[in-house]
Amino acid sequence: MHFTQFTRSIFALLIISLTSSLVYADPKNATLWPEVIYDASIPTFKQVLGYEVGERITSHHDMLRYFDALQQAAPDRIQINEYARSWQGRSLIYAVVAKPENLAALDDITEDIQALTQPGETNKQQAADIARQRPAFVWLQYGVHGNEISSTDAAMYTAYHLLAAQDDEITKQVLANTVVFLDPLQNPDGRARFTSFYYDNVGIEHSPDRLSVEHNEPWPRGRTNHYLFDMNRDWLAITQPETKGKIAALNHFKPQVVVDLHEMSSDRSYYFAPAARPFNPHMTDTQIANMNAIGRNNGAHFDRFGFDFFTREVYDAFYPGYGDSWPAFYGASASTYEVGSTRGEKFLKRNGELFTYWDTVQRHFVASISTLEGAAGMKEKLLKDFYQYQLDAIEEGKDNDARTYILPGRKNREGTHRLATLMAEHGVDVKRASSSFKACSESYEAGSFIIDTAQPRGRYVTTTFADQVDMAADFLQEQERRRARNLGDQIYDVTGWSLPMMFNVETVACDRAVSVQGEFIAADLPLEGEVVNPEASVGYVVAWGDMAAGRFLTAALRAGITLKSADEAFTLNEQKRYPAGSLIIERRSNDADLSKTIEKLAQQTGALVEGVDSSWVTEGPSFGSPRSVTMTAPRVAIAWGSDTSSLSAGNSRFVIEHQLNYPTTAMLISTLATSDLSQYDVIILPEGSYSGSSGSALAKNLKGWMQQGGVLLTLGRANRFATDADFGLLDIKREYAYRADGENKKDNADDKSDRVEGTLFTEKSDLVNAAVEPETSPDSVSGMLANVEVDQEHWLTAGVSERLVTLAYGNDIYTPIKLDSGKNLAWFVGADELLASGYLWEENKKQLAYKPLLIHQPVGEGMIIAFTQSPTSRAFLEGMNVLLTNSIFRAAAHAKN
């Protein structure tokens, strides 16, 4: 053998060795479910993918390959269906696994399940027959967070086990009594981001060290989807395509059991039902009891396998926008499962246990099978309870003081339409009146929407439309006790989520049924635009104040139309009054085919456009007034990268790009700090921490850019950077917690003595008070809805309602800006009225009262606009969008003027 041939051979062997160590780390010979004989005709992981289950983190592409192989091997027992495509074009699927006769009859079984949700057409005997004769539907969904990796492989092995296990009694029972739906990967874009990072960074061996690079993801991590949404919080607003497809599938099949499988921090064991308190009061005891029974069955199997687990301690069932809570409101029993994550193929826990990817896959697989067994063992009860839920929901609605909600659309036409169609997408029956009508002594126009809570989805309407959904009083008492002891509260997520409030939509509650002619709407009902007098000689006016007008503005700017926006309300020809912000499109400034373009844009955006034959204004600014500013198409950049909150950055970009329909440029902080920004008109700093190594350079560059006419928007925690005295961008300060005794300053800050003067304590409260640091932040708030008052005499608030509701969270409270520096344009109302929905510590309520939400500060020819609470959180604050639109587009028009 020649020397060169020898070296080539050695090199080839080395490459094979290295490659195999990356692919086949920690091989396992044991099966995930012992003592089962598997059918050799059903393909294994190894046969299709080249590795055993749990040896490698399966990619989205390979997951699809494996399910396709299963379907080819057993087409009579497994059916694969696509329900959505991610933003990046990846397929989202669910697999239906059933015995052949049930899979063949899936449409008929689904029709019977749907019949259980229609008590008016299905009597109790028919429902009992369905419950006896038909299988229950169980839906297991995996991987909604892309870096919670093990559940997808567990879903794949669950499908394999159900198809291949020949002598397993549990499998026989599951297939006899249930149809199993497996949604193996709810977030393929996030998983791709994680797996790419992980395998790009492993070495010759996979490190179990929590400090190693493969266990420390860079921004934005794989948890979120393409637009960096936490999709386990998107079930309320349904903004992402992955969520839309999933909810459509669930509304079609209405499975009686839904489980969402997650991962949690690496040093924890495993979590399943019973859930932690608080529970949403509109869930039923029966639903909770059924899920608890399944949890008990899980516990028995975990004991058999020797797996640690816990229940009831962390994950509550209060917020209706989770994957494990939303299904409860059509009647399912639902839960979250969580396994301690390896965030890779190996992880060394603090207790010294070496935990492998195989271990996490096995635990999720065992939980999946035990859940199916638990559901199969009470399938008839589940179906009867499901039917009874619909009956009880209807009866409960009949007794509801707010039986019927009417959405007149008088205040916010586009927001009203969006809310009505959103509720239809949730599966709620929403009727649109075809003629005028009267209800509870008030008259309403045709086109109003009516939602009767005496319907199967009535409890969902109540929990999302009611002003307040209360947590149990004893739970709140315990949180106050814990807070007093500095133990931290147990409130997991937002406590207020009233959709009409967040959408800034008028709803009227009527305590009786409303009889009106009309039709039930579909979720895709378009908002119809209209152009009145399309051949008008002077031009067109679009009344400002909702997002149909907002999207008309962005569409017109992108189409190259020249238009203006009035800073104040104006009256045309002593007849029609238009609100501040209204758009003015003049023929003289545009092309000859303007009418055709206006018609097209009105239909695209749903805007109402009025042609005018005269520009004679009798009150307010004329068309040619300097107070009718010419709008320009601003170039918008948004800060992106490790110093930003990925959720805030992604939510903000999504709102601008998909709710305002306007493009943005994402820009790294280092680029913002060092580059010539003159080509950009608006820069947005989402929530984040900008005071690091680039802080000084960033502040200096932004300040110089604003001096030349730039508009800077700071959202939420970004204002910590803007108000930092070292950077000096914004002339306000963040407050310490208020103390009634006035001791907000350290008395002896410069005293280096190790002794102090003696004090006398006469009661326990003296000890408690002495233990509190004089300078501390207010207690943090998980999230509640707060009432806000809006200045009506500034161009930045043109067309914005006098009252809004915003989401407030965290513990940042800011001082008002002084008049010689700027203006406070929106502020929280007084303490007695501040809380719109949810729960707020009393001290925070008092301190937040009359503090600013929106601040405008001129800087040279430009300005800084500060939102002390972000208006883009979770993209469900529809009611804040006009204010945000003004802050981008009207502000850009006013800069340099």
Foldseek 3Di string as FASTA:
>chain_A
DDPVVVVVVVVVVVVVLLVCQLQFPPADPADLDPDFFWDPLADACCRFPNGHQQRFQDALVSLVSNLVSRCVSCVLFKDKDFLFAFPVGRTWIKMKGAHNVCVVCVVVLLVLLVVLQVCVVAPLVNLLVNLVPDAFEEEEEEALFQLQGQQLSLLSVLNRCLPIGDPDPLSVLLRVHYIYMYRRHLANQLVVLLSVQLSVQAGSHRDQECPGPLNPDFPPHSGAHPLLANQQQQQQVVPGRSNLSVLVVCLSRLGQEYEYEGADAQQAFKEKDPAADDAQPLFDPVLSVLRNLLVVLLVVLCVVVVGDYDYHDAGYQHDCRGRFNVSSLLPHRGMYMYGRDSSGAWHQHPVRDIDGSSNRSSSSNSSVSSSSSSCSVCSSVSSSSSSVLFVVQLVVLLQDQLQKKKFQCPQAVVLSVLVLLSVLSNVFFKWFFQAWFDAPRDIGGGRIIMGGRSRSSNSVCCVQAPLEGDTDPVLVVVQVVCVLVVNHHRDRFAFAHRQCQLSVTDMDGGRHDGDGDTHTDHSPDDQAFDEAPLVAQWWKKFADAALLQLLLVLVCQVVVFKKWFALAWWAAPVPDIGFGGMITGTPVRDDPCVSVVSNVSRGVSSTYMYGHNDQDIPDGDTRPGVRGFIWHQFAEEEEDGRQANSQQRSLVQCCCCPSSVHHHHYDYLVCLLDDQPQNGAEYEYTAGHQCPPSLQSNLVSVLVNLLVFHEYEYAANSVVSCCPPSRPNDQKDWDFQDDPVRLLDDPCPPDPDPDDDDDDDDDPVVVSVVPDDSGHFPDWFNKAKWKKAFDRNGSLCTNADRIHIAIDTTGTFMAAGDPVFWHQGMATAALVRTGSYGDDDSSSSHRRHRTGQWIWGRRNLATYIYGNHGCRRSPSSSSCVSSVSSSPTVRSSSRND
